[in-house]
Amino acid sequence: MTKKHYKAIQWCINNKIFVSAYPTLKGLKIEIKHNNKVIISDQTYDQNELQNKLWELYLYLYEKYYNGKKTT
């Protein structure tokens, strides 16, 4: 991963946006927590897919809210 990915994760954590794995019987889903709100993805992933998706999602959130100057 790039420095930008690590910066995105740092920014999300500092702004209390947490992205993690949510285990189910059928596989792993993505859980996003922010300000007492929890969102769980509909799609399930295997371990490799999930890891890549988590990196992608942290970067997406960073670019959407930080670069868009929306603060949490």
PDB file of N, CA and C in Angstrom:
ATOM      1  N   MET A   1       0.834  -1.184   0.000  1.00  0.00           N
ATOM      2  CA  MET A   1       0.000   0.000   0.000  1.00  0.00           C
ATOM      3  C   MET A   1       0.881   1.251   0.000  1.00  0.00           C
ATOM      4  N   THR A   2       0.287   2.337  -0.378  1.00  0.00           N
ATOM      5  CA  THR A   2       1.039   3.583  -0.512  1.00  0.00           C
ATOM      6  C   THR A   2       0.964   4.409   0.772  1.00  0.00           C
ATOM      7  N   LYS A   3       1.771   5.455   0.816  1.00  0.00           N
ATOM      8  CA  LYS A   3       1.720   6.372   1.959  1.00  0.00           C
ATOM      9  C   LYS A   3       0.345   7.012   2.080  1.00  0.00           C
ATOM     10  N   LYS A   4      -0.299   7.231   0.945  1.00  0.00           N
ATOM     11  CA  LYS A   4      -1.628   7.842   0.964  1.00  0.00           C
ATOM     12  C   LYS A   4      -2.637   6.935   1.675  1.00  0.00           C
ATOM     13  N   HIS A   5      -2.506   5.622   1.487  1.00  0.00           N
ATOM     14  CA  HIS A   5      -3.391   4.683   2.185  1.00  0.00           C
ATOM     15  C   HIS A   5      -3.199   4.789   3.701  1.00  0.00           C
ATOM     16  N   TYR A   6      -1.941   4.839   4.125  1.00  0.00           N
ATOM     17  CA  TYR A   6      -1.671   4.947   5.560  1.00  0.00           C
ATOM     18  C   TYR A   6      -2.163   6.282   6.119  1.00  0.00           C
ATOM     19  N   LYS A   7      -2.006   7.332   5.338  1.00  0.00           N
ATOM     20  CA  LYS A   7      -2.505   8.647   5.753  1.00  0.00           C
ATOM     21  C   LYS A   7      -4.027   8.617   5.868  1.00  0.00           C
ATOM     22  N   ALA A   8      -4.682   7.925   4.947  1.00  0.00           N
ATOM     23  CA  ALA A   8      -6.145   7.806   4.970  1.00  0.00           C
ATOM     24  C   ALA A   8      -6.612   7.070   6.222  1.00  0.00           C
ATOM     25  N   ILE A   9      -5.933   5.984   6.564  1.00  0.00           N
ATOM     26  CA  ILE A   9      -6.300   5.238   7.772  1.00  0.00           C
ATOM     27  C   ILE A   9      -6.115   6.113   9.002  1.00  0.00           C
ATOM     28  N   GLN A  10      -5.001   6.803   9.088  1.00  0.00           N
ATOM     29  CA  GLN A  10      -4.728   7.686  10.224  1.00  0.00           C
ATOM     30  C   GLN A  10      -5.809   8.754  10.349  1.00  0.00           C
ATOM     31  N   TRP A  11      -6.174   9.361   9.229  1.00  0.00           N
ATOM     32  CA  TRP A  11      -7.198  10.403   9.247  1.00  0.00           C
ATOM     33  C   TRP A  11      -8.537   9.843   9.716  1.00  0.00           C
ATOM     34  N   CYS A  12      -8.925   8.688   9.192  1.00  0.00           N
ATOM     35  CA  CYS A  12     -10.202   8.078   9.589  1.00  0.00           C
ATOM     36  C   CYS A  12     -10.221   7.772  11.082  1.00  0.00           C
ATOM     37  N   ILE A  13      -9.173   7.178  11.592  1.00  0.00           N
ATOM     38  CA  ILE A  13      -9.115   6.852  13.019  1.00  0.00           C
ATOM     39  C   ILE A  13      -9.171   8.123  13.859  1.00  0.00           C
ATOM     40  N   ASN A  14      -8.433   9.142  13.465  1.00  0.00           N
ATOM     41  CA  ASN A  14      -8.458  10.411  14.200  1.00  0.00           C
ATOM     42  C   ASN A  14      -9.837  11.054  14.199  1.00  0.00           C
ATOM     43  N   ASN A  15     -10.636  10.749  13.175  1.00  0.00           N
ATOM     44  CA  ASN A  15     -11.985  11.296  13.069  1.00  0.00           C
ATOM     45  C   ASN A  15     -13.056  10.292  13.480  1.00  0.00           C
ATOM     46  N   LYS A  16     -12.618   9.270  14.209  1.00  0.00           N
ATOM     47  CA  LYS A  16     -13.521   8.261  14.778  1.00  0.00           C
ATOM     48  C   LYS A  16     -14.350   7.531  13.722  1.00  0.00           C
ATOM     49  N   ILE A  17     -13.713   7.254  12.594  1.00  0.00           N
ATOM     50  CA  ILE A  17     -14.311   6.422  11.551  1.00  0.00           C
ATOM     51  C   ILE A  17     -13.523   5.118  11.546  1.00  0.00           C
ATOM     52  N   PHE A  18     -14.201   4.025  11.889  1.00  0.00           N
ATOM     53  CA  PHE A  18     -13.531   2.739  12.011  1.00  0.00           C
ATOM     54  C   PHE A  18     -14.115   1.752  11.010  1.00  0.00           C
ATOM     55  N   VAL A  19     -13.245   1.115  10.261  1.00  0.00           N
ATOM     56  CA  VAL A  19     -13.640   0.136   9.255  1.00  0.00           C
ATOM     57  C   VAL A  19     -13.002  -1.190   9.648  1.00  0.00           C
ATOM     58  N   SER A  20     -13.809  -2.244   9.741  1.00  0.00           N
ATOM     59  CA  SER A  20     -13.267  -3.527  10.182  1.00  0.00           C
ATOM     60  C   SER A  20     -14.048  -4.689   9.589  1.00  0.00           C
ATOM     61  N   ALA A  21     -13.541  -5.892   9.844  1.00  0.00           N
ATOM     62  CA  ALA A  21     -14.200  -7.118   9.395  1.00  0.00           C
ATOM     63  C   ALA A  21     -15.333  -7.463  10.350  1.00  0.00           C
ATOM     64  N   TYR A  22     -16.416  -7.978   9.778  1.00  0.00           N
ATOM     65  CA  TYR A  22     -17.566  -8.438  10.550  1.00  0.00           C
ATOM     66  C   TYR A  22     -17.813  -9.888  10.132  1.00  0.00           C
ATOM     67  N   PRO A  23     -17.423 -10.848  10.980  1.00  0.00           N
ATOM     68  CA  PRO A  23     -17.543 -12.253  10.589  1.00  0.00           C
ATOM     69  C   PRO A  23     -18.989 -12.750  10.587  1.00  0.00           C
ATOM     70  N   THR A  24     -19.326 -13.542   9.585  1.00  0.00           N
ATOM     71  CA  THR A  24     -20.631 -14.203   9.496  1.00  0.00           C
ATOM     72  C   THR A  24     -20.375 -15.667   9.134  1.00  0.00           C
ATOM     73  N   LEU A  25     -21.406 -16.473   9.153  1.00  0.00           N
ATOM     74  CA  LEU A  25     -21.256 -17.881   8.782  1.00  0.00           C
ATOM     75  C   LEU A  25     -20.910 -18.058   7.308  1.00  0.00           C
ATOM     76  N   LYS A  26     -21.294 -17.104   6.479  1.00  0.00           N
ATOM     77  CA  LYS A  26     -21.061 -17.208   5.035  1.00  0.00           C
ATOM     78  C   LYS A  26     -19.775 -16.524   4.578  1.00  0.00           C
ATOM     79  N   GLY A  27     -19.095 -15.826   5.455  1.00  0.00           N
ATOM     80  CA  GLY A  27     -17.876 -15.113   5.087  1.00  0.00           C
ATOM     81  C   GLY A  27     -17.743 -13.849   5.907  1.00  0.00           C
ATOM     82  N   LEU A  28     -16.943 -12.933   5.417  1.00  0.00           N
ATOM     83  CA  LEU A  28     -16.684 -11.682   6.120  1.00  0.00           C
ATOM     84  C   LEU A  28     -17.412 -10.530   5.445  1.00  0.00           C
ATOM     85  N   LYS A  29     -17.979  -9.677   6.248  1.00  0.00           N
ATOM     86  CA  LYS A  29     -18.601  -8.451   5.755  1.00  0.00           C
ATOM     87  C   LYS A  29     -17.787  -7.278   6.278  1.00  0.00           C
ATOM     88  N   ILE A  30     -18.080  -6.095   5.792  1.00  0.00           N
ATOM     89  CA  ILE A  30     -17.391  -4.891   6.244  1.00  0.00           C
ATOM     90  C   ILE A  30     -18.305  -4.125   7.179  1.00  0.00           C
ATOM     91  N   GLU A  31     -17.729  -3.694   8.294  1.00  0.00           N
ATOM     92  CA  GLU A  31     -18.462  -2.904   9.280  1.00  0.00           C
ATOM     93  C   GLU A  31     -17.811  -1.528   9.367  1.00  0.00           C
ATOM     94  N   ILE A  32     -18.628  -0.488   9.272  1.00  0.00           N
ATOM     95  CA  ILE A  32     -18.141   0.887   9.407  1.00  0.00           C
ATOM     96  C   ILE A  32     -18.839   1.500  10.609  1.00  0.00           C
ATOM     97  N   LYS A  33     -18.038   2.029  11.538  1.00  0.00           N
ATOM     98  CA  LYS A  33     -18.587   2.692  12.723  1.00  0.00           C
ATOM     99  C   LYS A  33     -18.164   4.152  12.712  1.00  0.00           C
ATOM    100  N   HIS A  34     -19.158   5.025  12.979  1.00  0.00           N
ATOM    101  CA  HIS A  34     -18.873   6.452  13.061  1.00  0.00           C
ATOM    102  C   HIS A  34     -19.980   7.133  13.847  1.00  0.00           C
ATOM    103  N   ASN A  35     -19.606   7.820  14.916  1.00  0.00           N
ATOM    104  CA  ASN A  35     -20.568   8.572  15.738  1.00  0.00           C
ATOM    105  C   ASN A  35     -21.809   7.761  16.112  1.00  0.00           C
ATOM    106  N   ASN A  36     -21.612   6.638  16.754  1.00  0.00           N
ATOM    107  CA  ASN A  36     -22.710   5.769  17.211  1.00  0.00           C
ATOM    108  C   ASN A  36     -23.553   5.197  16.081  1.00  0.00           C
ATOM    109  N   LYS A  37     -23.089   5.286  14.863  1.00  0.00           N
ATOM    110  CA  LYS A  37     -23.794   4.715  13.719  1.00  0.00           C
ATOM    111  C   LYS A  37     -22.956   3.557  13.180  1.00  0.00           C
ATOM    112  N   VAL A  38     -23.616   2.430  12.928  1.00  0.00           N
ATOM    113  CA  VAL A  38     -22.922   1.251  12.416  1.00  0.00           C
ATOM    114  C   VAL A  38     -23.565   0.836  11.096  1.00  0.00           C
ATOM    115  N   ILE A  39     -22.728   0.629  10.105  1.00  0.00           N
ATOM    116  CA  ILE A  39     -23.193   0.156   8.799  1.00  0.00           C
ATOM    117  C   ILE A  39     -22.461  -1.149   8.503  1.00  0.00           C
ATOM    118  N   ILE A  40     -23.220  -2.172   8.107  1.00  0.00           N
ATOM    119  CA  ILE A  40     -22.631  -3.459   7.742  1.00  0.00           C
ATOM    120  C   ILE A  40     -22.962  -3.726   6.276  1.00  0.00           C
ATOM    121  N   SER A  41     -21.957  -4.095   5.527  1.00  0.00           N
ATOM    122  CA  SER A  41     -22.144  -4.330   4.089  1.00  0.00           C
ATOM    123  C   SER A  41     -23.069  -5.511   3.834  1.00  0.00           C
ATOM    124  N   ASP A  42     -23.722  -5.489   2.696  1.00  0.00           N
ATOM    125  CA  ASP A  42     -24.548  -6.618   2.265  1.00  0.00           C
ATOM    126  C   ASP A  42     -23.679  -7.733   1.688  1.00  0.00           C
ATOM    127  N   GLN A  43     -22.615  -7.346   1.041  1.00  0.00           N
ATOM    128  CA  GLN A  43     -21.742  -8.301   0.359  1.00  0.00           C
ATOM    129  C   GLN A  43     -20.813  -8.993   1.343  1.00  0.00           C
ATOM    130  N   THR A  44     -20.519 -10.274   1.079  1.00  0.00           N
ATOM    131  CA  THR A  44     -19.536 -11.005   1.876  1.00  0.00           C
ATOM    132  C   THR A  44     -18.256 -11.160   1.057  1.00  0.00           C
ATOM    133  N   TYR A  45     -17.137 -11.299   1.760  1.00  0.00           N
ATOM    134  CA  TYR A  45     -15.824 -11.379   1.132  1.00  0.00           C
ATOM    135  C   TYR A  45     -15.032 -12.522   1.744  1.00  0.00           C
ATOM    136  N   ASP A  46     -14.033 -13.037   0.996  1.00  0.00           N
ATOM    137  CA  ASP A  46     -13.063 -13.928   1.618  1.00  0.00           C
ATOM    138  C   ASP A  46     -11.954 -13.038   2.195  1.00  0.00           C
ATOM    139  N   GLN A  47     -11.006 -13.643   2.888  1.00  0.00           N
ATOM    140  CA  GLN A  47      -9.992 -12.857   3.607  1.00  0.00           C
ATOM    141  C   GLN A  47      -9.194 -11.941   2.678  1.00  0.00           C
ATOM    142  N   ASN A  48      -8.765 -12.451   1.535  1.00  0.00           N
ATOM    143  CA  ASN A  48      -7.963 -11.636   0.608  1.00  0.00           C
ATOM    144  C   ASN A  48      -8.767 -10.486   0.020  1.00  0.00           C
ATOM    145  N   GLU A  49      -9.988 -10.772  -0.397  1.00  0.00           N
ATOM    146  CA  GLU A  49     -10.849  -9.722  -0.946  1.00  0.00           C
ATOM    147  C   GLU A  49     -11.115  -8.652   0.103  1.00  0.00           C
ATOM    148  N   LEU A  50     -11.365  -9.096   1.322  1.00  0.00           N
ATOM    149  CA  LEU A  50     -11.689  -8.160   2.400  1.00  0.00           C
ATOM    150  C   LEU A  50     -10.531  -7.206   2.661  1.00  0.00           C
ATOM    151  N   GLN A  51      -9.327  -7.735   2.743  1.00  0.00           N
ATOM    152  CA  GLN A  51      -8.164  -6.892   3.022  1.00  0.00           C
ATOM    153  C   GLN A  51      -8.040  -5.781   1.985  1.00  0.00           C
ATOM    154  N   ASN A  52      -8.166  -6.136   0.726  1.00  0.00           N
ATOM    155  CA  ASN A  52      -8.078  -5.128  -0.339  1.00  0.00           C
ATOM    156  C   ASN A  52      -9.224  -4.129  -0.258  1.00  0.00           C
ATOM    157  N   LYS A  53     -10.411  -4.606   0.042  1.00  0.00           N
ATOM    158  CA  LYS A  53     -11.583  -3.736   0.120  1.00  0.00           C
ATOM    159  C   LYS A  53     -11.450  -2.749   1.287  1.00  0.00           C
ATOM    160  N   LEU A  54     -10.892  -3.206   2.421  1.00  0.00           N
ATOM    161  CA  LEU A  54     -10.702  -2.306   3.567  1.00  0.00           C
ATOM    162  C   LEU A  54      -9.768  -1.159   3.206  1.00  0.00           C
ATOM    163  N   TRP A  55      -8.649  -1.463   2.547  1.00  0.00           N
ATOM    164  CA  TRP A  55      -7.719  -0.415   2.113  1.00  0.00           C
ATOM    165  C   TRP A  55      -8.421   0.564   1.180  1.00  0.00           C
ATOM    166  N   GLU A  56      -9.169   0.011   0.241  1.00  0.00           N
ATOM    167  CA  GLU A  56      -9.888   0.827  -0.736  1.00  0.00           C
ATOM    168  C   GLU A  56     -10.923   1.729  -0.053  1.00  0.00           C
ATOM    169  N   LEU A  57     -11.611   1.185   0.920  1.00  0.00           N
ATOM    170  CA  LEU A  57     -12.657   1.936   1.607  1.00  0.00           C
ATOM    171  C   LEU A  57     -12.083   3.062   2.466  1.00  0.00           C
ATOM    172  N   TYR A  58     -10.999   2.799   3.184  1.00  0.00           N
ATOM    173  CA  TYR A  58     -10.353   3.860   3.960  1.00  0.00           C
ATOM    174  C   TYR A  58      -9.936   5.009   3.040  1.00  0.00           C
ATOM    175  N   LEU A  59      -9.363   4.675   1.907  1.00  0.00           N
ATOM    176  CA  LEU A  59      -8.932   5.706   0.966  1.00  0.00           C
ATOM    177  C   LEU A  59     -10.132   6.467   0.403  1.00  0.00           C
ATOM    178  N   TYR A  60     -11.197   5.764   0.085  1.00  0.00           N
ATOM    179  CA  TYR A  60     -12.416   6.402  -0.420  1.00  0.00           C
ATOM    180  C   TYR A  60     -12.974   7.397   0.601  1.00  0.00           C
ATOM    181  N   LEU A  61     -13.077   6.984   1.857  1.00  0.00           N
ATOM    182  CA  LEU A  61     -13.617   7.861   2.902  1.00  0.00           C
ATOM    183  C   LEU A  61     -12.741   9.093   3.100  1.00  0.00           C
ATOM    184  N   TYR A  62     -11.440   8.882   3.085  1.00  0.00           N
ATOM    185  CA  TYR A  62     -10.497   9.992   3.224  1.00  0.00           C
ATOM    186  C   TYR A  62     -10.657  10.992   2.080  1.00  0.00           C
ATOM    187  N   GLU A  63     -10.690  10.476   0.859  1.00  0.00           N
ATOM    188  CA  GLU A  63     -10.810  11.370  -0.293  1.00  0.00           C
ATOM    189  C   GLU A  63     -12.161  12.072  -0.329  1.00  0.00           C
ATOM    190  N   LYS A  64     -13.201  11.400   0.078  1.00  0.00           N
ATOM    191  CA  LYS A  64     -14.534  11.995   0.056  1.00  0.00           C
ATOM    192  C   LYS A  64     -14.678  13.097   1.103  1.00  0.00           C
ATOM    193  N   TYR A  65     -14.240  12.829   2.323  1.00  0.00           N
ATOM    194  CA  TYR A  65     -14.489  13.775   3.410  1.00  0.00           C
ATOM    195  C   TYR A  65     -13.335  14.731   3.675  1.00  0.00           C
ATOM    196  N   TYR A  66     -12.096  14.281   3.615  1.00  0.00           N
ATOM    197  CA  TYR A  66     -10.984  15.187   3.877  1.00  0.00           C
ATOM    198  C   TYR A  66     -10.712  16.072   2.671  1.00  0.00           C
ATOM    199  N   ASN A  67     -10.543  15.464   1.530  1.00  0.00           N
ATOM    200  CA  ASN A  67     -10.257  16.246   0.326  1.00  0.00           C
ATOM    201  C   ASN A  67     -11.441  17.102  -0.081  1.00  0.00           C
ATOM    202  N   GLY A  68     -12.639  16.668   0.285  1.00  0.00           N
ATOM    203  CA  GLY A  68     -13.834  17.445   0.005  1.00  0.00           C
ATOM    204  C   GLY A  68     -14.082  18.504   1.064  1.00  0.00           C
ATOM    205  N   LYS A  69     -13.171  18.585   2.037  1.00  0.00           N
ATOM    206  CA  LYS A  69     -13.218  19.554   3.134  1.00  0.00           C
ATOM    207  C   LYS A  69     -14.445  19.397   4.035  1.00  0.00           C
ATOM    208  N   LYS A  70     -15.056  18.214   4.005  1.00  0.00           N
ATOM    209  CA  LYS A  70     -16.132  17.933   4.957  1.00  0.00           C
ATOM    210  C   LYS A  70     -15.469  17.380   6.203  1.00  0.00           C
ATOM    211  N   THR A  71     -15.758  17.943   7.340  1.00  0.00           N
ATOM    212  CA  THR A  71     -15.157  17.457   8.570  1.00  0.00           C
ATOM    213  C   THR A  71     -16.190  16.710   9.387  1.00  0.00           C
ATOM    214  N   THR A  72     -15.695  15.813  10.229  1.00  0.00           N
ATOM    215  CA  THR A  72     -16.599  15.011  11.050  1.00  0.00           C
ATOM    216  C   THR A  72     -16.705  15.574  12.435  1.00  0.00           C
TER     217      THR A  72
END
